[in-house]
Amino acid sequence: MHEATGILEVYGVTTAFVACDAGCKAADVRVENFDKNKPADPTGLPVPVIVVVKFRGSVSAVRAAMEAAKIAAEGVSGVVSSHIIASPTEDTEKMLKLSGFDKT
């Protein structure tokens, strides 16, 4: 059985670190590599890059981490979206390892 995954998209790297810190302090979770997405037209966004924070652990731990992370992120530049996957498939597990930070 796979660990649950919480996926939190936020505006900017600083917000991602603040959210990650809050989530890790709130629950017994671990973090996958951050991912990023630079929208084609960032006009109107608070920060021109979207960063994905991925928490892993039990469903209850991930839920607690996500709630704390969302509150923390809203205090910086905001949340784009969030979702919890209770039991990721093998294909999803592979996708969770990808990171746009590895590319220029």
Protein backbone atom coordinates (compact mmCIF):
# COMPACT_ATOMS: atom_id res chain seq x y z
CA MET A 1 0.00 0.00 0.00
CA HIS A 2 1.26 3.46 -0.91
CA GLU A 3 1.43 6.47 1.34
CA ALA A 4 -1.21 9.14 0.95
CA THR A 5 -0.13 12.23 -0.95
CA GLY A 6 -1.12 15.84 -0.40
CA ILE A 7 -0.50 18.16 -3.34
CA LEU A 8 -0.52 21.89 -2.62
CA GLU A 9 0.05 24.47 -5.36
CA VAL A 10 1.12 27.90 -4.13
CA TYR A 11 2.37 31.18 -5.57
CA GLY A 12 6.18 31.38 -5.32
CA VAL A 13 9.11 29.60 -3.75
CA THR A 14 9.00 31.52 -0.47
CA THR A 15 5.36 30.58 0.03
CA ALA A 16 6.24 26.95 -0.75
CA PHE A 17 8.89 26.90 1.98
CA VAL A 18 6.57 28.56 4.50
CA ALA A 19 3.79 26.07 3.68
CA CYS A 20 6.19 23.12 3.80
CA ASP A 21 7.54 24.18 7.18
CA ALA A 22 4.05 24.58 8.64
CA GLY A 23 2.88 21.23 7.27
CA CYS A 24 5.90 19.35 8.56
CA LYS A 25 5.54 20.91 12.01
CA ALA A 26 1.83 20.04 12.15
CA ALA A 27 2.07 16.33 11.31
CA ASP A 28 4.35 13.35 10.84
CA VAL A 29 4.84 13.67 7.07
CA ARG A 30 7.73 13.71 4.65
CA VAL A 31 8.09 15.92 1.60
CA GLU A 32 8.74 14.94 -2.02
CA ASN A 33 10.74 17.29 -4.28
CA PHE A 34 9.04 20.61 -4.97
CA ASP A 35 7.81 21.08 -8.53
CA LYS A 36 7.24 24.31 -10.43
CA ASN A 37 5.18 25.68 -13.26
CA LYS A 38 5.71 29.03 -14.90
CA PRO A 39 2.41 30.11 -16.45
CA ALA A 40 2.59 31.35 -20.05
CA ASP A 41 0.90 34.61 -19.02
CA PRO A 42 1.61 35.42 -15.37
CA THR A 43 -0.14 38.79 -15.64
CA GLY A 44 -2.32 39.29 -12.60
CA LEU A 45 -0.66 36.58 -10.51
CA PRO A 46 0.86 37.60 -7.16
CA VAL A 47 4.11 35.79 -8.12
CA PRO A 48 5.00 34.61 -11.67
CA VAL A 49 5.76 31.01 -10.69
CA ILE A 50 3.57 28.31 -9.17
CA VAL A 51 5.28 25.81 -6.85
CA VAL A 52 3.89 22.42 -5.83
CA VAL A 53 4.53 21.06 -2.34
CA LYS A 54 3.95 17.29 -1.98
CA PHE A 55 3.39 15.81 1.49
CA ARG A 56 3.53 12.02 2.06
CA GLY A 57 2.31 9.95 5.01
CA SER A 58 -0.86 8.51 6.47
CA VAL A 59 -4.14 10.02 5.29
CA SER A 60 -4.74 11.71 8.65
CA ALA A 61 -1.20 13.09 8.82
CA VAL A 62 -1.35 14.40 5.26
CA ARG A 63 -4.74 15.99 5.94
CA ALA A 64 -3.34 17.78 9.02
CA ALA A 65 -0.22 18.90 7.15
CA MET A 66 -2.26 20.23 4.25
CA GLU A 67 -4.55 22.25 6.51
CA ALA A 68 -1.60 23.87 8.30
CA ALA A 69 0.22 24.47 5.01
CA LYS A 70 -2.81 26.12 3.39
CA ILE A 71 -3.26 28.49 6.33
CA ALA A 72 0.44 29.41 6.22
CA ALA A 73 0.44 29.90 2.44
CA GLU A 74 -2.62 32.16 2.56
CA GLY A 75 -0.61 34.40 4.89
CA VAL A 76 2.10 34.89 2.26
CA SER A 77 0.96 34.95 -1.38
CA GLY A 78 -1.81 32.38 -1.54
CA VAL A 79 -2.92 28.92 -2.61
CA VAL A 80 -3.66 27.98 -6.21
CA SER A 81 -5.16 24.53 -5.53
CA SER A 82 -4.87 21.48 -3.30
CA HIS A 83 -5.78 17.82 -3.38
CA ILE A 84 -5.20 14.67 -1.33
CA ILE A 85 -4.75 11.27 -2.98
CA ALA A 86 -5.37 8.58 -0.36
CA SER A 87 -3.71 5.73 -2.26
CA PRO A 88 -1.72 6.72 -5.37
CA THR A 89 -1.31 4.19 -8.19
CA GLU A 90 2.12 3.08 -9.43
CA ASP A 91 1.89 5.50 -12.36
CA THR A 92 1.04 8.37 -10.03
CA GLU A 93 3.98 7.40 -7.80
CA LYS A 94 6.30 7.81 -10.80
CA MET A 95 4.84 11.23 -11.62
CA LEU A 96 5.33 12.42 -8.03
CA LYS A 97 9.10 12.04 -8.46
CA LEU A 98 9.22 14.53 -11.35
CA SER A 99 10.34 18.09 -10.71
CA GLY A 100 10.47 21.14 -12.97
CA PHE A 101 13.27 22.50 -10.78
CA ASP A 102 15.56 19.98 -12.47
CA LYS A 103 15.10 21.82 -15.78
CA THR A 104 16.10 25.31 -16.86
